[in-house]
C-alpha cells in the first residue's frame, strides 16, 4: 500500500479475472490460506505524527507517512483480501490522555463506517472481505459508546474482532462474543500464546516466528510436551543453528520433523548457508519454523476438543523454558543496538543528538585511497604482501 512518487503500487493495477483477488495473485498465495489485510504492520513501528480525524500515522519503507481512511477503503476494494481489519485510533506505544480517549471511539467508528460503505459499494468480483472491528486497548467504560453503536447498528456487518490488548476480550458485548478474535498483541513466544488462548483469543499474528528465523534459530517445541521429572531441566524452545557445534552435524534440524527442510537437509548444511550469508538458510529455517507453529496449533486444537487444554498447558510450561535461546550470529534484519527489537531496521530508528549510526555504512568514498595510491611508488614483482598493505594496494588477510 506504500506509494512512491505518487504512483499507484503495481499490485493495485494487476490484471485479474472477475473472481480473483489481486493481492492473492500478486503474492502467489494458495487458495486455502487466509489473506488478511490491515492498515499497520505487526508489531507497529512508533510513528512521529499524531492521528487525525481522517488518517492514522504510519511508518513505511519510505519514511513516516499517513494513511487516509478513503485511501484504505480504495485499496481494500482493489486487493480483495479474505479478512480486512478496521483502522483503529490508537498510538503505539504511547498511552492516551483523558481528552484523547473521548475521540478514539468516535474516530474508530467513523473509519469503520467508511470501510463498511466501501465494501458495499465495491466492484463485483470475489466475495466481500469479512470485516473485523477493532477493540481499543482502553478500559471498557471509555469505549462503551463505540461498542454499543457496533452492537446496535453494525452487528450484521461485523464478522470478527481485532484485539490489541488481550485483557480487552472482556469488553466484547455478550451478544457478539461468538465472533472470532484476532490478536495483534506482539506475542513473544509460545507460552504467551497459550496464555492468550486461555483468555479467549482465537487467532494470532506471530512475529516471533520470523524473529527466530532472522536470528538463525530453529524452533523445537511441541505441544503439550512430555513434562519433566522433579529436579529436571527444562528444554530449550529452539536451537541456535549458528553454533559451531553443528558445523559437521549431518542430522535433521529436529529429529522426527516432517517438514521439507528436515527431510532434505541437515544442520551442517544450513549452518554453512548461514555462515556464507546465503538467503536459502533463512528460507529453510522459515519453512521449518512455520511447520513447527502449524503442528503446535494443531495440537492445541486437539487438546481443546478433548477438554485437556489446561492440563496440557501445565505440561508445556514444565517442559520448556520461557525465553528463546540467545543467537550467536546476526540475521539479515537485526540491528546492532541491543535495546532495539530485532524486527527494527536501521532506517526505522531515529538517531538522537551526537549518536552514531545504528548500522555501519555499506559503502564509502574511495577518493582518499586514490590519492594514497597515486603517491605510492609502483610495486615491483618482488614486493610482498606486507609492502603492498603499507602502500595501500591491498589488505593482508590474517
Protein backbone atom coordinates (compact mmCIF):
# COMPACT_ATOMS: atom_id res chain seq x y z
CA UNK A 1 0.00 0.00 0.00
CA UNK A 2 3.02 2.29 0.21
CA UNK A 3 3.25 4.85 -2.60
CA UNK A 4 6.41 6.11 -4.25
CA UNK A 5 6.42 9.37 -6.24
CA UNK A 6 2.61 9.41 -6.03
CA UNK A 7 2.42 6.36 -8.27
CA UNK A 8 -0.14 3.64 -7.63
CA UNK A 9 1.53 0.41 -6.43
CA UNK A 10 1.73 -2.25 -9.12
CA UNK A 11 -0.39 -4.69 -7.12
CA UNK A 12 -3.39 -2.36 -7.31
CA UNK A 13 -3.38 -2.40 -11.13
CA UNK A 14 -2.61 -6.09 -11.62
CA UNK A 15 -4.87 -7.57 -14.34
CA UNK A 16 -7.15 -10.22 -12.83
CA UNK A 17 -10.34 -12.02 -13.70
CA UNK A 18 -13.60 -11.01 -12.05
CA UNK A 19 -13.36 -13.70 -9.33
CA UNK A 20 -9.65 -13.24 -8.50
CA UNK A 21 -8.01 -11.33 -5.66
CA UNK A 22 -5.23 -9.05 -6.87
CA UNK A 23 -3.32 -9.42 -3.63
CA UNK A 24 -3.54 -13.22 -3.61
CA UNK A 25 -2.32 -13.44 -7.18
CA UNK A 26 0.44 -10.87 -6.62
CA UNK A 27 1.99 -12.81 -3.72
CA UNK A 28 1.10 -16.24 -5.23
CA UNK A 29 -0.74 -17.37 -2.10
CA UNK A 30 -2.59 -20.68 -2.43
CA UNK A 31 -6.34 -20.66 -2.08
CA UNK A 32 -6.64 -22.49 1.24
CA UNK A 33 -4.67 -19.81 3.17
CA UNK A 34 -6.49 -16.84 4.67
CA UNK A 35 -5.46 -13.46 3.31
CA UNK A 36 -5.68 -10.73 5.96
CA UNK A 37 -5.15 -7.03 5.23
CA UNK A 38 -4.57 -4.46 7.96
CA UNK A 39 -3.56 -0.78 7.99
CA UNK A 40 -0.40 -1.30 10.07
CA UNK A 41 2.38 -3.85 10.25
CA UNK A 42 2.56 -6.02 13.34
CA UNK A 43 4.14 -5.12 15.65
CA UNK A 44 3.77 -1.48 14.55
CA UNK A 45 6.71 0.90 14.41
CA UNK A 46 6.11 4.00 16.56
CA UNK A 47 5.24 6.93 14.27
CA UNK A 48 6.23 10.53 15.00
CA UNK A 49 2.99 12.21 13.92
CA UNK A 50 -0.41 12.01 15.61
CA UNK A 51 -3.59 10.57 14.12
CA UNK A 52 -6.24 12.98 12.85
CA UNK A 53 -9.96 12.69 12.14
CA UNK A 54 -9.27 11.33 8.66
CA UNK A 55 -5.98 9.41 8.88
CA UNK A 56 -3.55 7.43 11.02
CA UNK A 57 0.20 7.95 11.20
CA UNK A 58 2.26 5.02 9.93
CA UNK A 59 5.88 4.09 9.26
CA UNK A 60 6.71 2.84 5.75
CA UNK A 61 9.88 1.85 3.93
CA UNK A 62 9.84 5.39 2.52
CA UNK A 63 9.68 7.06 5.94
CA UNK A 64 6.87 8.32 8.13
CA UNK A 65 3.57 8.92 6.38
CA UNK A 66 -0.19 8.97 6.91
CA UNK A 67 -2.90 6.61 5.73
CA UNK A 68 -6.18 8.28 4.87
CA UNK A 69 -9.40 6.41 5.56
CA UNK A 70 -10.59 6.77 1.96
CA UNK A 71 -7.23 5.52 0.64
CA UNK A 72 -7.53 2.44 2.81
CA UNK A 73 -11.05 1.77 1.53
CA UNK A 74 -9.87 2.11 -2.07
CA UNK A 75 -7.01 -0.34 -1.55
CA UNK A 76 -9.32 -2.87 0.10
CA UNK A 77 -11.69 -2.63 -2.88
CA UNK A 78 -8.83 -3.26 -5.31
CA UNK A 79 -6.99 -6.03 -3.44
CA UNK A 80 -9.96 -8.02 -2.07
CA UNK A 81 -8.45 -9.91 0.90
CA UNK A 82 -10.42 -12.55 2.79
CA UNK A 83 -10.39 -10.51 6.01
CA UNK A 84 -9.93 -6.77 6.40
CA UNK A 85 -9.09 -5.13 9.73
CA UNK A 86 -10.68 -1.81 10.61
CA UNK A 87 -8.49 1.22 11.28
CA UNK A 88 -8.11 1.92 15.00
CA UNK A 89 -7.31 5.28 16.57
CA UNK A 90 -4.53 4.36 18.95
CA UNK A 91 -0.90 5.46 19.04
CA UNK A 92 1.59 2.68 19.66
CA UNK A 93 3.19 2.51 22.21
CA UNK A 94 2.00 5.71 23.92
CA UNK A 95 -0.83 5.80 26.44
CA UNK A 96 -3.60 8.20 25.53
CA UNK A 97 -4.59 11.17 27.69
CA UNK A 98 -8.09 11.83 29.02
CA UNK A 99 -9.04 14.25 26.23
CA UNK A 100 -7.83 11.89 23.54
CA UNK A 101 -9.80 8.96 24.98
CA UNK A 102 -13.01 10.77 24.09
CA UNK A 103 -12.01 10.89 20.40
CA UNK A 104 -10.71 7.34 19.99
CA UNK A 105 -14.06 5.61 19.83
CA UNK A 106 -15.63 8.28 17.60
CA UNK A 107 -12.79 8.19 15.08
CA UNK A 108 -12.60 4.40 15.01
CA UNK A 109 -16.37 4.16 14.50
CA UNK A 110 -16.29 6.71 11.65
CA UNK A 111 -13.49 4.82 9.89
CA UNK A 112 -15.34 1.54 10.40
CA UNK A 113 -18.45 3.02 8.77
CA UNK A 114 -16.34 4.29 5.85
CA UNK A 115 -14.95 0.81 5.35
CA UNK A 116 -18.37 -0.85 5.51
CA UNK A 117 -19.75 1.59 2.93
CA UNK A 118 -16.78 0.91 0.67
CA UNK A 119 -17.30 -2.85 0.89
CA UNK A 120 -20.96 -2.45 -0.02
CA UNK A 121 -20.23 -0.15 -2.96
CA UNK A 122 -17.16 -2.01 -4.20
CA UNK A 123 -16.85 -3.60 -7.66
CA UNK A 124 -18.21 -7.02 -8.43
CA UNK A 125 -15.79 -9.90 -8.12
CA UNK A 126 -14.66 -12.17 -5.30
CA UNK A 127 -16.83 -12.37 -2.15
CA UNK A 128 -16.68 -9.30 0.06
CA UNK A 129 -13.95 -9.44 2.71
CA UNK A 130 -15.01 -10.29 6.24
CA UNK A 131 -14.76 -7.17 8.39
CA UNK A 132 -13.04 -7.37 11.80
CA UNK A 133 -13.81 -4.43 14.08
CA UNK A 134 -11.10 -3.10 16.44
CA UNK A 135 -11.38 -3.40 20.21
CA UNK A 136 -9.43 -0.40 21.51
CA UNK A 137 -6.73 -1.03 24.15
CA UNK A 138 -8.54 1.06 26.77
CA UNK A 139 -10.94 0.37 29.62
CA UNK A 140 -14.49 -0.81 28.93
CA UNK A 141 -16.19 2.37 30.15
CA UNK A 142 -14.03 4.53 27.89
CA UNK A 143 -15.25 2.77 24.75
CA UNK A 144 -18.77 1.76 25.82
CA UNK A 145 -20.48 4.16 23.37
CA UNK A 146 -18.35 2.83 20.50
CA UNK A 147 -19.14 -0.82 21.32
CA UNK A 148 -22.84 -0.11 21.84
CA UNK A 149 -23.05 1.51 18.40
CA UNK A 150 -21.49 -1.58 16.84
CA UNK A 151 -23.84 -3.87 18.75
CA UNK A 152 -26.98 -1.88 17.94
CA UNK A 153 -26.36 -0.63 14.40
CA UNK A 154 -23.45 -2.51 12.78
CA UNK A 155 -23.59 -6.04 14.16
CA UNK A 156 -24.69 -7.61 10.86
CA UNK A 157 -21.65 -6.08 9.10
CA UNK A 158 -19.01 -7.26 11.60
CA UNK A 159 -17.57 -10.79 11.23
CA UNK A 160 -14.94 -10.69 13.98
CA UNK A 161 -12.80 -8.63 16.34
CA UNK A 162 -9.20 -7.46 16.21
CA UNK A 163 -7.58 -7.25 19.66
CA UNK A 164 -4.57 -5.10 20.64
CA UNK A 165 -4.60 -5.98 24.36
CA UNK A 166 -5.65 -9.50 25.49
CA UNK A 167 -7.36 -8.01 28.55
CA UNK A 168 -9.77 -6.27 26.17
CA UNK A 169 -11.51 -9.57 25.42
CA UNK A 170 -13.73 -8.99 28.45
CA UNK A 171 -15.26 -5.81 26.98
CA UNK A 172 -16.75 -7.53 23.92
CA UNK A 173 -20.59 -7.25 24.04
CA UNK A 174 -22.18 -10.51 25.17
CA UNK A 175 -24.36 -10.59 22.05
CA UNK A 176 -21.22 -10.70 19.86
CA UNK A 177 -18.92 -12.93 21.90
CA UNK A 178 -19.36 -15.78 19.42
CA UNK A 179 -17.34 -13.92 16.77
CA UNK A 180 -13.67 -14.89 16.24
CA UNK A 181 -10.94 -12.75 17.80
CA UNK A 182 -7.66 -11.99 16.05
CA UNK A 183 -4.83 -10.76 18.29
CA UNK A 184 -2.25 -8.18 17.19
CA UNK A 185 -0.58 -8.26 20.59
CA UNK A 186 3.12 -8.84 19.76
CA UNK A 187 3.23 -12.25 21.42
CA UNK A 188 6.83 -13.04 22.38
CA UNK A 189 6.71 -16.84 22.43
CA UNK A 190 4.55 -19.98 22.70
CA UNK A 191 3.98 -19.57 26.45
CA UNK A 192 2.36 -16.15 25.92
CA UNK A 193 0.40 -17.62 23.02
CA UNK A 194 -1.10 -20.27 25.29
CA UNK A 195 -1.83 -17.66 27.97
CA UNK A 196 -3.81 -15.59 25.47
CA UNK A 197 -5.66 -18.62 24.08
CA UNK A 198 -6.73 -19.28 27.67
CA UNK A 199 -8.08 -15.70 27.81
CA UNK A 200 -10.18 -16.26 24.70
CA UNK A 201 -8.03 -15.33 21.69
CA UNK A 202 -8.76 -17.43 18.59
CA UNK A 203 -6.14 -16.37 16.03
CA UNK A 204 -2.74 -14.69 16.13
CA UNK A 205 -0.17 -12.84 14.08
CA UNK A 206 3.11 -14.16 15.49
CA UNK A 207 6.19 -12.01 14.83
CA UNK A 208 8.36 -14.29 16.99
CA UNK A 209 8.42 -16.91 14.21
CA UNK A 210 10.11 -14.53 11.79
CA UNK A 211 12.32 -13.12 14.55
CA UNK A 212 13.55 -16.62 15.40
CA UNK A 213 14.30 -17.26 11.74
CA UNK A 214 16.18 -13.97 11.37
CA UNK A 215 18.27 -14.92 14.42
CA UNK A 216 19.18 -18.32 12.98
CA UNK A 217 17.06 -20.24 15.50
CA UNK A 218 15.23 -23.45 14.62
CA UNK A 219 12.13 -23.95 16.77
CA UNK A 220 11.99 -27.32 18.54
CA UNK A 221 8.97 -27.10 20.87
CA UNK A 222 5.86 -29.28 20.60
CA UNK A 223 2.56 -29.18 22.45
CA UNK A 224 1.93 -30.35 25.13
CA UNK A 225 5.39 -31.78 25.72
CA UNK A 226 6.29 -34.75 27.89
CA UNK A 227 6.86 -32.72 31.07
CA UNK A 228 9.89 -33.15 33.31
CA UNK A 229 10.52 -35.04 36.46
CA UNK A 230 11.13 -33.29 39.76
CA UNK A 231 14.52 -31.60 39.69
CA UNK A 232 14.83 -31.94 35.92
CA UNK A 233 15.95 -29.27 33.47
CA UNK A 234 13.53 -27.58 31.10
CA UNK A 235 14.15 -27.94 27.38
CA UNK A 236 15.02 -25.02 25.10
CA UNK A 237 12.38 -23.69 22.72
CA UNK A 238 14.84 -23.90 19.83
CA UNK A 239 18.44 -24.44 18.79
CA UNK A 240 20.94 -21.85 17.60
CA UNK A 241 22.00 -23.18 14.19
CA UNK A 242 24.84 -20.62 14.12
CA UNK A 243 26.62 -22.68 16.81
CA UNK A 244 29.90 -24.30 15.75
CA UNK A 245 28.63 -27.49 17.38
CA UNK A 246 26.57 -28.08 14.22
CA UNK A 247 29.41 -27.46 11.72
CA UNK A 248 29.68 -31.20 10.98
CA UNK A 249 26.30 -32.39 12.28
CA UNK A 250 24.52 -34.20 9.44
CA UNK A 251 21.33 -34.94 11.40
CA UNK A 252 17.99 -33.28 10.70
CA UNK A 253 17.23 -29.94 12.33
CA UNK A 254 14.75 -31.72 14.58
CA UNK A 255 14.59 -35.50 14.74
CA UNK A 256 11.22 -36.77 13.53
CA UNK A 257 10.15 -33.47 11.94
CA UNK A 258 8.42 -33.99 8.57
CA UNK A 259 8.95 -30.51 7.09
CA UNK A 260 10.76 -30.02 3.77
CA UNK A 261 13.90 -28.63 5.40
CA UNK A 262 14.30 -31.55 7.81
CA UNK A 263 13.52 -34.17 5.15
CA UNK A 264 16.04 -32.84 2.63
CA UNK A 265 18.82 -31.04 4.52
CA UNK A 266 20.88 -31.30 7.70
CA UNK A 267 22.15 -28.95 10.37
CA UNK A 268 25.68 -28.64 8.96
CA UNK A 269 24.38 -27.56 5.55
CA UNK A 270 22.08 -24.90 6.99
CA UNK A 271 24.83 -23.64 9.29
CA UNK A 272 27.15 -23.37 6.28
CA UNK A 273 24.50 -21.33 4.46
CA UNK A 274 24.12 -19.04 7.48
CA UNK A 275 27.87 -18.56 7.71
CA UNK A 276 28.02 -17.74 3.99
CA UNK A 277 25.06 -15.31 4.38
CA UNK A 278 23.09 -17.29 1.79
CA UNK A 279 19.40 -16.34 1.87
CA UNK A 280 18.49 -20.01 1.37
CA UNK A 281 19.47 -20.56 5.02
CA UNK A 282 16.69 -18.29 6.28
CA UNK A 283 14.23 -19.69 3.74
CA UNK A 284 14.79 -23.25 5.01
CA UNK A 285 14.61 -22.12 8.64
CA UNK A 286 11.36 -20.26 7.96
CA UNK A 287 9.90 -23.38 6.31
CA UNK A 288 10.79 -25.42 9.39
CA UNK A 289 9.66 -22.81 11.92
CA UNK A 290 6.28 -22.33 10.24
CA UNK A 291 5.80 -26.11 10.18
CA UNK A 292 6.58 -26.23 13.91
CA UNK A 293 4.00 -23.50 14.57
CA UNK A 294 1.41 -25.31 12.42
CA UNK A 295 1.93 -28.53 14.42
CA UNK A 296 1.76 -26.57 17.67
CA UNK A 297 -1.65 -25.06 16.86
CA UNK A 298 -2.99 -28.37 15.50
CA UNK A 299 -2.16 -29.98 18.86
CA UNK A 300 -3.72 -27.07 20.75
CA UNK A 301 -6.99 -27.52 18.83
CA UNK A 302 -7.00 -31.25 19.58
CA UNK A 303 -6.35 -30.53 23.26
CA UNK A 304 -9.28 -28.09 23.43
CA UNK A 305 -11.57 -30.62 21.76
CA UNK A 306 -10.54 -33.32 24.25
CA UNK A 307 -11.03 -30.99 27.23
CA UNK A 308 -7.43 -31.35 28.43
CA UNK A 309 -6.14 -27.91 27.44
CA UNK A 310 -5.46 -26.62 30.96
CA UNK A 311 -3.50 -29.74 31.99
CA UNK A 312 -1.61 -29.74 28.68
CA UNK A 313 -0.61 -26.08 29.21
CA UNK A 314 0.81 -27.03 32.62
CA UNK A 315 2.79 -29.84 30.98
CA UNK A 316 4.15 -27.47 28.32
CA UNK A 317 5.14 -24.93 30.97
CA UNK A 318 7.01 -27.63 32.90
CA UNK A 319 8.76 -28.92 29.77
CA UNK A 320 10.10 -25.78 28.09
CA UNK A 321 11.97 -22.66 29.09
CA UNK A 322 10.00 -19.43 28.69
CA UNK A 323 12.64 -17.49 26.72
CA UNK A 324 14.25 -18.37 23.41
CA UNK A 325 17.97 -19.22 23.44
CA UNK A 326 20.38 -16.44 22.53
CA UNK A 327 21.66 -16.30 18.97
CA UNK A 328 25.41 -16.26 18.35
CA UNK A 329 25.06 -14.91 14.82
CA UNK A 330 23.48 -11.89 13.17
CA UNK A 331 20.47 -12.22 10.92
CA UNK A 332 19.69 -10.16 7.80
CA UNK A 333 17.38 -7.72 9.63
CA UNK A 334 18.92 -7.45 13.08
CA UNK A 335 20.31 -4.11 14.24
CA UNK A 336 23.34 -3.79 16.45
CA UNK A 337 21.72 -1.89 19.32
CA UNK A 338 20.65 -4.42 21.95
CA UNK A 339 17.84 -2.21 23.21
CA UNK A 340 16.10 -2.26 19.80
CA UNK A 341 13.72 -5.08 18.92
CA UNK A 342 15.16 -7.41 16.22
CA UNK A 343 12.37 -6.52 13.75
CA UNK A 344 13.53 -2.86 13.58
CA UNK A 345 15.77 -1.90 10.71
CA UNK A 346 18.24 0.96 10.73
CA UNK A 347 16.10 3.38 8.74
CA UNK A 348 13.21 2.87 11.18
CA UNK A 349 15.18 4.20 14.16
CA UNK A 350 15.65 7.93 14.67
CA UNK A 351 19.12 8.77 15.98
CA UNK A 352 19.46 11.09 18.95
CA UNK A 353 21.85 14.04 19.38
CA UNK A 354 25.52 13.11 18.87
CA UNK A 355 24.51 9.48 18.40
CA UNK A 356 26.41 7.36 15.90
CA UNK A 357 24.72 5.41 13.13
CA UNK A 358 23.00 2.22 14.26
CA UNK A 359 24.33 0.23 11.29
CA UNK A 360 27.71 0.86 9.61
CA UNK A 361 27.76 2.24 6.09
CA UNK A 362 27.98 -0.47 3.46
CA UNK A 363 29.88 1.77 1.00
CA UNK A 364 32.43 4.52 1.39
CA UNK A 365 34.23 7.04 -0.78
CA UNK A 366 37.43 5.80 -2.48
CA UNK A 367 38.90 9.27 -3.07
CA UNK A 368 41.33 9.03 -0.13
CA UNK A 369 42.52 5.66 -1.34
CA UNK A 370 43.07 7.02 -4.86
CA UNK A 371 45.27 9.84 -3.55
CA UNK A 372 47.28 7.41 -1.44
CA UNK A 373 47.80 5.09 -4.39
CA UNK A 374 48.82 7.96 -6.66
CA UNK A 375 51.56 9.00 -4.22
CA UNK A 376 52.81 5.45 -3.61
CA UNK A 377 55.70 4.06 -5.68
CA UNK A 378 54.80 1.39 -8.23
CA UNK A 379 55.40 -2.05 -6.64
CA UNK A 380 57.95 -4.35 -8.20
CA UNK A 381 57.48 -8.01 -8.97
CA UNK A 382 59.35 -8.87 -5.76
CA UNK A 383 57.10 -6.79 -3.46
CA UNK A 384 55.49 -8.97 -0.76
CA UNK A 385 52.06 -8.71 0.86
CA UNK A 386 53.21 -6.58 3.80
CA UNK A 387 54.67 -3.94 1.48
CA UNK A 388 51.51 -3.88 -0.62
CA UNK A 389 49.48 -3.33 2.53
CA UNK A 390 51.70 -0.45 3.66
CA UNK A 391 51.37 1.21 0.24
CA UNK A 392 47.57 0.92 0.33
CA UNK A 393 47.21 -1.53 -2.56
CA UNK A 394 45.53 -4.27 -0.51
CA UNK A 395 44.79 -5.51 2.98
CA UNK A 396 46.52 -8.67 4.09
CA UNK A 397 44.21 -11.32 5.48
CA UNK A 398 45.42 -12.75 8.77
